[in-house]
C-alpha atoms as a PDB file:
ATOM      1  CA  UNK A   1     -19.429 -25.602  31.502  1.00  0.00           C
ATOM      2  CA  UNK A   2     -16.941 -22.843  32.201  1.00  0.00           C
ATOM      3  CA  UNK A   3     -13.234 -23.548  32.277  1.00  0.00           C
ATOM      4  CA  UNK A   4     -10.805 -21.822  34.585  1.00  0.00           C
ATOM      5  CA  UNK A   5      -8.065 -21.393  32.020  1.00  0.00           C
ATOM      6  CA  UNK A   6      -5.938 -18.270  32.186  1.00  0.00           C
ATOM      7  CA  UNK A   7      -6.731 -15.682  29.508  1.00  0.00           C
ATOM      8  CA  UNK A   8      -3.246 -16.099  28.014  1.00  0.00           C
ATOM      9  CA  UNK A   9      -3.927 -19.814  27.431  1.00  0.00           C
ATOM     10  CA  UNK A  10      -7.325 -19.116  25.835  1.00  0.00           C
ATOM     11  CA  UNK A  11      -5.773 -16.560  23.470  1.00  0.00           C
ATOM     12  CA  UNK A  12      -2.971 -18.973  22.617  1.00  0.00           C
ATOM     13  CA  UNK A  13      -5.465 -21.725  21.745  1.00  0.00           C
ATOM     14  CA  UNK A  14      -7.585 -19.342  19.662  1.00  0.00           C
ATOM     15  CA  UNK A  15      -4.514 -18.112  17.782  1.00  0.00           C
ATOM     16  CA  UNK A  16      -3.503 -21.723  17.079  1.00  0.00           C
ATOM     17  CA  UNK A  17      -6.978 -22.493  15.731  1.00  0.00           C
ATOM     18  CA  UNK A  18      -6.895 -19.405  13.478  1.00  0.00           C
ATOM     19  CA  UNK A  19      -3.430 -20.387  12.278  1.00  0.00           C
ATOM     20  CA  UNK A  20      -4.622 -23.901  11.490  1.00  0.00           C
ATOM     21  CA  UNK A  21      -7.736 -22.834   9.570  1.00  0.00           C
ATOM     22  CA  UNK A  22      -8.089 -19.589   7.599  1.00  0.00           C
ATOM     23  CA  UNK A  23     -11.776 -20.430   7.113  1.00  0.00           C
ATOM     24  CA  UNK A  24     -12.270 -20.493  10.880  1.00  0.00           C
ATOM     25  CA  UNK A  25     -10.569 -17.106  11.185  1.00  0.00           C
ATOM     26  CA  UNK A  26     -12.793 -15.649   8.441  1.00  0.00           C
ATOM     27  CA  UNK A  27     -16.034 -17.008   9.886  1.00  0.00           C
ATOM     28  CA  UNK A  28     -15.255 -15.937  13.434  1.00  0.00           C
ATOM     29  CA  UNK A  29     -13.454 -12.591  13.068  1.00  0.00           C
ATOM     30  CA  UNK A  30     -14.160 -11.074   9.639  1.00  0.00           C
ATOM     31  CA  UNK A  31     -17.163  -8.896   8.919  1.00  0.00           C
ATOM     32  CA  UNK A  32     -18.418  -7.267   5.721  1.00  0.00           C
ATOM     33  CA  UNK A  33     -20.420  -4.105   5.178  1.00  0.00           C
ATOM     34  CA  UNK A  34     -23.775  -4.767   3.507  1.00  0.00           C
ATOM     35  CA  UNK A  35     -25.561  -1.778   1.924  1.00  0.00           C
ATOM     36  CA  UNK A  36     -28.885  -2.414   3.696  1.00  0.00           C
ATOM     37  CA  UNK A  37     -28.089  -4.832   6.531  1.00  0.00           C
ATOM     38  CA  UNK A  38     -25.038  -3.005   7.859  1.00  0.00           C
ATOM     39  CA  UNK A  39     -22.130  -4.986   9.276  1.00  0.00           C
ATOM     40  CA  UNK A  40     -22.702  -8.727   8.949  1.00  0.00           C
ATOM     41  CA  UNK A  41     -20.551 -11.822   9.555  1.00  0.00           C
ATOM     42  CA  UNK A  42     -18.518 -13.046   6.620  1.00  0.00           C
ATOM     43  CA  UNK A  43     -20.111 -16.315   5.490  1.00  0.00           C
ATOM     44  CA  UNK A  44     -17.958 -18.407   3.196  1.00  0.00           C
ATOM     45  CA  UNK A  45     -19.270 -20.746   0.547  1.00  0.00           C
ATOM     46  CA  UNK A  46     -17.744 -24.231   0.466  1.00  0.00           C
ATOM     47  CA  UNK A  47     -15.649 -23.462  -2.635  1.00  0.00           C
ATOM     48  CA  UNK A  48     -14.254 -20.342  -0.944  1.00  0.00           C
ATOM     49  CA  UNK A  49     -13.261 -22.369   2.117  1.00  0.00           C
ATOM     50  CA  UNK A  50     -11.563 -24.954  -0.098  1.00  0.00           C
ATOM     51  CA  UNK A  51      -9.688 -22.197  -1.947  1.00  0.00           C
ATOM     52  CA  UNK A  52      -8.452 -20.698   1.320  1.00  0.00           C
ATOM     53  CA  UNK A  53      -7.334 -24.090   2.591  1.00  0.00           C
ATOM     54  CA  UNK A  54      -5.525 -24.717  -0.699  1.00  0.00           C
ATOM     55  CA  UNK A  55      -3.694 -21.395  -0.356  1.00  0.00           C
ATOM     56  CA  UNK A  56      -2.624 -22.494   3.104  1.00  0.00           C
ATOM     57  CA  UNK A  57      -1.565 -26.023   2.144  1.00  0.00           C
ATOM     58  CA  UNK A  58       0.004 -25.641  -1.295  1.00  0.00           C
ATOM     59  CA  UNK A  59       3.018 -23.605  -2.341  1.00  0.00           C
ATOM     60  CA  UNK A  60       1.705 -22.753  -5.816  1.00  0.00           C
ATOM     61  CA  UNK A  61      -1.955 -22.125  -6.688  1.00  0.00           C
ATOM     62  CA  UNK A  62      -3.639 -21.249  -9.940  1.00  0.00           C
ATOM     63  CA  UNK A  63      -7.336 -20.458  -9.773  1.00  0.00           C
ATOM     64  CA  UNK A  64      -9.257 -20.877 -13.003  1.00  0.00           C
ATOM     65  CA  UNK A  65     -12.711 -19.457 -12.522  1.00  0.00           C
ATOM     66  CA  UNK A  66     -15.650 -17.763 -14.175  1.00  0.00           C
ATOM     67  CA  UNK A  67     -16.703 -14.191 -13.436  1.00  0.00           C
ATOM     68  CA  UNK A  68     -18.839 -13.300 -10.424  1.00  0.00           C
ATOM     69  CA  UNK A  69     -17.932 -16.366  -8.364  1.00  0.00           C
ATOM     70  CA  UNK A  70     -16.750 -14.504  -5.284  1.00  0.00           C
ATOM     71  CA  UNK A  71     -13.173 -15.731  -5.293  1.00  0.00           C
ATOM     72  CA  UNK A  72     -11.173 -12.903  -6.840  1.00  0.00           C
ATOM     73  CA  UNK A  73     -11.796  -9.915  -4.663  1.00  0.00           C
ATOM     74  CA  UNK A  74     -13.291 -11.393  -1.546  1.00  0.00           C
ATOM     75  CA  UNK A  75     -11.398 -14.590  -0.932  1.00  0.00           C
ATOM     76  CA  UNK A  76      -7.995 -13.624  -2.260  1.00  0.00           C
ATOM     77  CA  UNK A  77      -7.858 -10.271  -0.469  1.00  0.00           C
ATOM     78  CA  UNK A  78      -8.897 -11.848   2.801  1.00  0.00           C
ATOM     79  CA  UNK A  79      -6.392 -14.636   2.217  1.00  0.00           C
ATOM     80  CA  UNK A  80      -3.716 -11.968   1.864  1.00  0.00           C
ATOM     81  CA  UNK A  81      -4.779 -10.462   5.190  1.00  0.00           C
ATOM     82  CA  UNK A  82      -4.828 -13.863   6.914  1.00  0.00           C
ATOM     83  CA  UNK A  83      -1.398 -14.727   5.567  1.00  0.00           C
ATOM     84  CA  UNK A  84      -0.015 -11.319   6.504  1.00  0.00           C
ATOM     85  CA  UNK A  85      -1.149 -11.895  10.087  1.00  0.00           C
ATOM     86  CA  UNK A  86      -0.023 -15.521  10.404  1.00  0.00           C
ATOM     87  CA  UNK A  87       2.616 -16.186   7.696  1.00  0.00           C
ATOM     88  CA  UNK A  88       4.706 -13.166   6.828  1.00  0.00           C
ATOM     89  CA  UNK A  89       6.899 -15.061   4.335  1.00  0.00           C
ATOM     90  CA  UNK A  90       4.099 -15.766   1.798  1.00  0.00           C
ATOM     91  CA  UNK A  91       3.734 -13.517  -1.246  1.00  0.00           C
ATOM     92  CA  UNK A  92       0.829 -13.157  -3.669  1.00  0.00           C
ATOM     93  CA  UNK A  93       0.645 -11.981  -7.238  1.00  0.00           C
ATOM     94  CA  UNK A  94      -2.875 -10.774  -7.936  1.00  0.00           C
ATOM     95  CA  UNK A  95      -4.048  -9.711 -11.392  1.00  0.00           C
ATOM     96  CA  UNK A  96      -7.493  -8.226 -11.795  1.00  0.00           C
END
């Protein structure tokens, strides 16, 4: 069922949804480059979604993790991008 909302209202609602949920923004708008499949949608694991939501909700976060879990480079860098777009006052310290 199509709605007759003005484009400005649709964009405003979509922006609000992206602001509310970084996981939604990642799943809908972020893509990654796969070596054989080309450009594919960014699919988050549950623990990555929870980490993103924690970054959004909490002022201080410490992530204790094992190697090769997909949090360091993928999730944190994208979280930085999301926060740069939606929350310019948040700063990250990232140690590799």
